[in-house]
């Protein structure tokens, strides 16, 4: 699932069509379309492409948030963040 919340527009739990497993995944949050057109990718595949994610009402800094939720089963699940990379245009 992916979601955005800028204090005005709150888009919760939009399905990505991706499943997590025991292999590493590369996640990308793309702001090249500006705060009004945020895109999400998993391993290079765009997720929830039919939804327009807007963070336009955000007036402060934006922060990614990683969370795992699971159903009630016996598996012990966790998120391992290997690295975080930020690329931005220079002023």
N, C-alpha and C. Protein backbone atom coordinates (compact mmCIF):
# COMPACT_ATOMS: atom_id res chain seq x y z
N UNK A 1 0.83 -1.18 0.00
CA UNK A 1 0.00 0.00 0.00
C UNK A 1 0.88 1.25 0.00
N UNK A 2 0.40 2.29 -0.62
CA UNK A 2 1.06 3.59 -0.56
C UNK A 2 -0.01 4.62 -0.17
N UNK A 3 0.46 5.71 0.43
CA UNK A 3 -0.48 6.76 0.80
C UNK A 3 0.26 8.08 0.96
N UNK A 4 -0.48 9.17 0.90
CA UNK A 4 0.06 10.50 1.16
C UNK A 4 -0.90 11.25 2.07
N UNK A 5 -0.34 12.18 2.81
CA UNK A 5 -1.14 13.02 3.70
C UNK A 5 -0.38 14.33 3.89
N UNK A 6 -0.93 15.42 3.40
CA UNK A 6 -0.27 16.72 3.53
C UNK A 6 -1.00 17.65 4.49
N UNK A 7 -1.89 17.08 5.29
CA UNK A 7 -2.65 17.89 6.23
C UNK A 7 -3.96 18.37 5.67
N UNK A 8 -4.13 18.29 4.36
CA UNK A 8 -5.38 18.67 3.69
C UNK A 8 -5.93 17.50 2.90
N UNK A 9 -5.10 16.97 2.01
CA UNK A 9 -5.48 15.83 1.19
C UNK A 9 -4.88 14.57 1.80
N UNK A 10 -5.72 13.60 2.12
CA UNK A 10 -5.28 12.36 2.76
C UNK A 10 -5.72 11.18 1.90
N UNK A 11 -4.77 10.57 1.21
CA UNK A 11 -5.07 9.38 0.41
C UNK A 11 -4.47 8.17 1.12
N UNK A 12 -5.32 7.34 1.70
CA UNK A 12 -4.86 6.20 2.50
C UNK A 12 -4.95 4.89 1.74
N UNK A 13 -3.97 4.04 2.00
CA UNK A 13 -3.99 2.62 1.62
C UNK A 13 -4.40 2.36 0.17
N UNK A 14 -3.63 2.89 -0.75
CA UNK A 14 -3.86 2.61 -2.17
C UNK A 14 -3.01 1.39 -2.55
N UNK A 15 -3.64 0.39 -3.12
CA UNK A 15 -2.95 -0.86 -3.45
C UNK A 15 -1.88 -0.64 -4.50
N UNK A 16 -0.75 -1.32 -4.31
CA UNK A 16 0.36 -1.22 -5.27
C UNK A 16 0.37 -2.37 -6.25
N UNK A 17 -0.29 -3.46 -5.92
CA UNK A 17 -0.22 -4.65 -6.77
C UNK A 17 1.07 -5.43 -6.55
N UNK A 18 1.88 -5.00 -5.59
CA UNK A 18 3.16 -5.66 -5.28
C UNK A 18 3.03 -6.44 -3.98
N UNK A 19 3.77 -7.53 -3.89
CA UNK A 19 3.82 -8.31 -2.66
C UNK A 19 5.24 -8.30 -2.13
N UNK A 20 5.38 -8.20 -0.83
CA UNK A 20 6.69 -8.28 -0.22
C UNK A 20 7.06 -9.75 -0.04
N UNK A 21 8.34 -10.03 -0.06
CA UNK A 21 8.81 -11.40 0.13
C UNK A 21 10.16 -11.34 0.82
N UNK A 22 10.95 -12.36 0.67
CA UNK A 22 12.25 -12.40 1.34
C UNK A 22 13.35 -11.77 0.49
N UNK A 23 13.01 -11.20 -0.64
CA UNK A 23 14.01 -10.53 -1.48
C UNK A 23 13.93 -9.02 -1.29
N UNK A 24 15.05 -8.35 -1.48
CA UNK A 24 15.08 -6.90 -1.35
C UNK A 24 14.28 -6.25 -2.47
N UNK A 25 13.62 -5.15 -2.16
CA UNK A 25 12.88 -4.36 -3.13
C UNK A 25 13.43 -2.95 -3.10
N UNK A 26 13.39 -2.29 -4.25
CA UNK A 26 13.83 -0.90 -4.35
C UNK A 26 12.58 -0.03 -4.48
N UNK A 27 12.40 0.88 -3.53
CA UNK A 27 11.24 1.77 -3.53
C UNK A 27 11.68 3.17 -3.92
N UNK A 28 10.87 3.83 -4.73
CA UNK A 28 11.19 5.19 -5.18
C UNK A 28 9.95 6.05 -5.03
N UNK A 29 10.13 7.21 -4.43
CA UNK A 29 9.09 8.24 -4.37
C UNK A 29 9.57 9.36 -5.26
N UNK A 30 8.80 9.67 -6.30
CA UNK A 30 9.22 10.59 -7.36
C UNK A 30 8.46 11.91 -7.25
N UNK A 31 9.22 12.99 -7.00
CA UNK A 31 8.64 14.34 -6.93
C UNK A 31 8.99 15.17 -8.16
N UNK A 32 9.44 14.54 -9.25
CA UNK A 32 9.82 15.33 -10.43
C UNK A 32 8.63 16.05 -11.05
N UNK A 33 7.41 15.60 -10.77
CA UNK A 33 6.21 16.28 -11.24
C UNK A 33 5.74 17.34 -10.27
N UNK A 34 6.54 17.62 -9.24
CA UNK A 34 6.17 18.59 -8.22
C UNK A 34 5.37 17.93 -7.11
N UNK A 35 5.03 18.72 -6.10
CA UNK A 35 4.28 18.18 -4.97
C UNK A 35 2.85 17.80 -5.33
N UNK A 36 2.36 18.28 -6.47
CA UNK A 36 0.98 17.98 -6.89
C UNK A 36 0.85 16.67 -7.65
N UNK A 37 1.98 16.04 -7.98
CA UNK A 37 1.94 14.80 -8.76
C UNK A 37 3.05 13.86 -8.29
N UNK A 38 2.88 13.29 -7.10
CA UNK A 38 3.87 12.39 -6.50
C UNK A 38 3.62 10.98 -7.03
N UNK A 39 4.69 10.30 -7.44
CA UNK A 39 4.57 8.95 -7.99
C UNK A 39 5.37 7.96 -7.13
N UNK A 40 4.89 6.73 -7.06
CA UNK A 40 5.54 5.67 -6.30
C UNK A 40 5.94 4.53 -7.24
N UNK A 41 7.13 3.97 -7.00
CA UNK A 41 7.64 2.86 -7.80
C UNK A 41 8.19 1.77 -6.88
N UNK A 42 8.01 0.51 -7.28
CA UNK A 42 8.64 -0.62 -6.61
C UNK A 42 9.39 -1.40 -7.68
N UNK A 43 10.70 -1.51 -7.52
CA UNK A 43 11.57 -2.19 -8.50
C UNK A 43 11.34 -1.65 -9.91
N UNK A 44 11.17 -0.34 -10.02
CA UNK A 44 11.02 0.31 -11.32
C UNK A 44 9.63 0.28 -11.92
N UNK A 45 8.68 -0.36 -11.25
CA UNK A 45 7.31 -0.45 -11.74
C UNK A 45 6.45 0.56 -10.99
N UNK A 46 5.78 1.42 -11.76
CA UNK A 46 4.94 2.44 -11.13
C UNK A 46 3.75 1.77 -10.44
N UNK A 47 3.44 2.21 -9.24
CA UNK A 47 2.36 1.66 -8.44
C UNK A 47 1.23 2.66 -8.31
N UNK A 48 0.01 2.16 -8.26
CA UNK A 48 -1.18 2.99 -8.08
C UNK A 48 -1.19 4.14 -9.10
N UNK A 49 -0.87 3.80 -10.35
CA UNK A 49 -0.73 4.82 -11.39
C UNK A 49 -2.04 5.55 -11.70
N UNK A 50 -3.17 4.94 -11.39
CA UNK A 50 -4.45 5.60 -11.69
C UNK A 50 -4.84 6.63 -10.62
N UNK A 51 -4.06 6.72 -9.56
CA UNK A 51 -4.33 7.67 -8.48
C UNK A 51 -3.35 8.84 -8.56
N UNK A 52 -3.86 10.07 -8.46
CA UNK A 52 -2.99 11.24 -8.41
C UNK A 52 -2.74 11.57 -6.95
N UNK A 53 -1.48 11.44 -6.54
CA UNK A 53 -1.09 11.74 -5.16
C UNK A 53 -0.60 13.18 -5.10
N UNK A 54 -1.22 13.97 -4.27
CA UNK A 54 -0.84 15.38 -4.15
C UNK A 54 -0.39 15.69 -2.72
N UNK A 55 0.74 16.36 -2.63
CA UNK A 55 1.24 16.87 -1.36
C UNK A 55 1.29 18.40 -1.43
N UNK A 56 0.46 18.99 -2.29
CA UNK A 56 0.52 20.42 -2.59
C UNK A 56 0.28 21.30 -1.37
N UNK A 57 -0.48 20.82 -0.39
CA UNK A 57 -0.78 21.66 0.77
C UNK A 57 0.33 21.66 1.81
N UNK A 58 1.34 20.82 1.60
CA UNK A 58 2.46 20.77 2.56
C UNK A 58 3.25 22.06 2.50
N UNK A 59 3.44 22.70 3.65
CA UNK A 59 4.18 23.96 3.69
C UNK A 59 5.56 23.80 4.31
N UNK A 60 5.79 22.68 4.97
CA UNK A 60 7.10 22.43 5.59
C UNK A 60 7.85 21.34 4.86
N UNK A 61 8.78 20.75 5.53
CA UNK A 61 9.57 19.66 4.95
C UNK A 61 8.70 18.41 4.79
N UNK A 62 9.03 17.62 3.78
CA UNK A 62 8.36 16.34 3.56
C UNK A 62 9.27 15.22 4.05
N UNK A 63 8.68 14.17 4.59
CA UNK A 63 9.45 13.09 5.18
C UNK A 63 8.86 11.74 4.78
N UNK A 64 9.68 10.81 4.26
CA UNK A 64 9.16 9.47 3.98
C UNK A 64 8.94 8.71 5.29
N UNK A 65 7.99 7.81 5.27
CA UNK A 65 7.65 7.04 6.46
C UNK A 65 7.53 5.58 6.04
N UNK A 66 8.30 4.70 6.66
CA UNK A 66 8.29 3.27 6.33
C UNK A 66 7.60 2.53 7.46
N UNK A 67 6.63 1.70 7.10
CA UNK A 67 5.87 0.95 8.10
C UNK A 67 5.51 -0.41 7.53
N UNK A 68 5.49 -1.42 8.37
CA UNK A 68 5.01 -2.73 7.94
C UNK A 68 3.81 -3.11 8.80
N UNK A 69 2.80 -3.64 8.14
CA UNK A 69 1.63 -4.15 8.84
C UNK A 69 1.40 -5.56 8.33
N UNK A 70 0.92 -6.42 9.18
CA UNK A 70 0.70 -7.80 8.76
C UNK A 70 -0.57 -8.33 9.39
N UNK A 71 -1.03 -9.44 8.83
CA UNK A 71 -2.18 -10.11 9.40
C UNK A 71 -1.72 -10.88 10.63
N UNK A 72 -2.64 -11.33 11.42
CA UNK A 72 -2.31 -12.05 12.65
C UNK A 72 -1.94 -13.50 12.30
N UNK A 73 -0.68 -13.73 12.07
CA UNK A 73 -0.20 -15.09 11.85
C UNK A 73 1.05 -15.31 12.67
N UNK A 74 1.65 -16.47 12.56
CA UNK A 74 2.80 -16.81 13.41
C UNK A 74 4.12 -16.24 12.89
N UNK A 75 4.14 -15.69 11.69
CA UNK A 75 5.38 -15.17 11.13
C UNK A 75 5.82 -13.91 11.86
N UNK A 76 7.12 -13.77 12.03
CA UNK A 76 7.68 -12.55 12.61
C UNK A 76 8.21 -11.72 11.44
N UNK A 77 7.54 -10.63 11.13
CA UNK A 77 7.91 -9.81 9.98
C UNK A 77 8.62 -8.55 10.45
N UNK A 78 9.45 -7.99 9.56
CA UNK A 78 10.18 -6.77 9.88
C UNK A 78 10.54 -6.05 8.60
N UNK A 79 10.93 -4.80 8.74
CA UNK A 79 11.42 -4.01 7.62
C UNK A 79 12.89 -3.75 7.85
N UNK A 80 13.70 -4.04 6.87
CA UNK A 80 15.14 -3.75 6.92
C UNK A 80 15.41 -2.68 5.87
N UNK A 81 15.74 -1.48 6.29
CA UNK A 81 16.07 -0.40 5.35
C UNK A 81 17.57 -0.43 5.16
N UNK A 82 18.00 -0.79 3.96
CA UNK A 82 19.43 -0.94 3.66
C UNK A 82 20.09 0.42 3.48
N UNK A 83 19.46 1.31 2.72
CA UNK A 83 19.99 2.66 2.55
C UNK A 83 18.89 3.58 2.06
N UNK A 84 19.10 4.86 2.26
CA UNK A 84 18.19 5.89 1.78
C UNK A 84 19.02 6.86 0.96
N UNK A 85 18.55 7.17 -0.23
CA UNK A 85 19.26 8.08 -1.12
C UNK A 85 18.30 9.20 -1.51
N UNK A 86 18.79 10.42 -1.45
CA UNK A 86 18.00 11.58 -1.85
C UNK A 86 18.71 12.28 -2.99
N UNK A 87 17.99 12.51 -4.07
CA UNK A 87 18.53 13.26 -5.19
C UNK A 87 17.67 14.49 -5.38
N UNK A 88 18.30 15.62 -5.60
CA UNK A 88 17.56 16.86 -5.76
C UNK A 88 18.31 17.78 -6.72
N UNK A 89 17.57 18.71 -7.29
CA UNK A 89 18.19 19.72 -8.14
C UNK A 89 18.97 20.69 -7.26
N UNK A 90 20.11 21.11 -7.76
CA UNK A 90 20.87 22.13 -7.02
C UNK A 90 20.27 23.50 -7.30
N UNK A 91 20.25 24.37 -6.28
CA UNK A 91 19.66 25.71 -6.49
C UNK A 91 20.48 26.53 -7.47
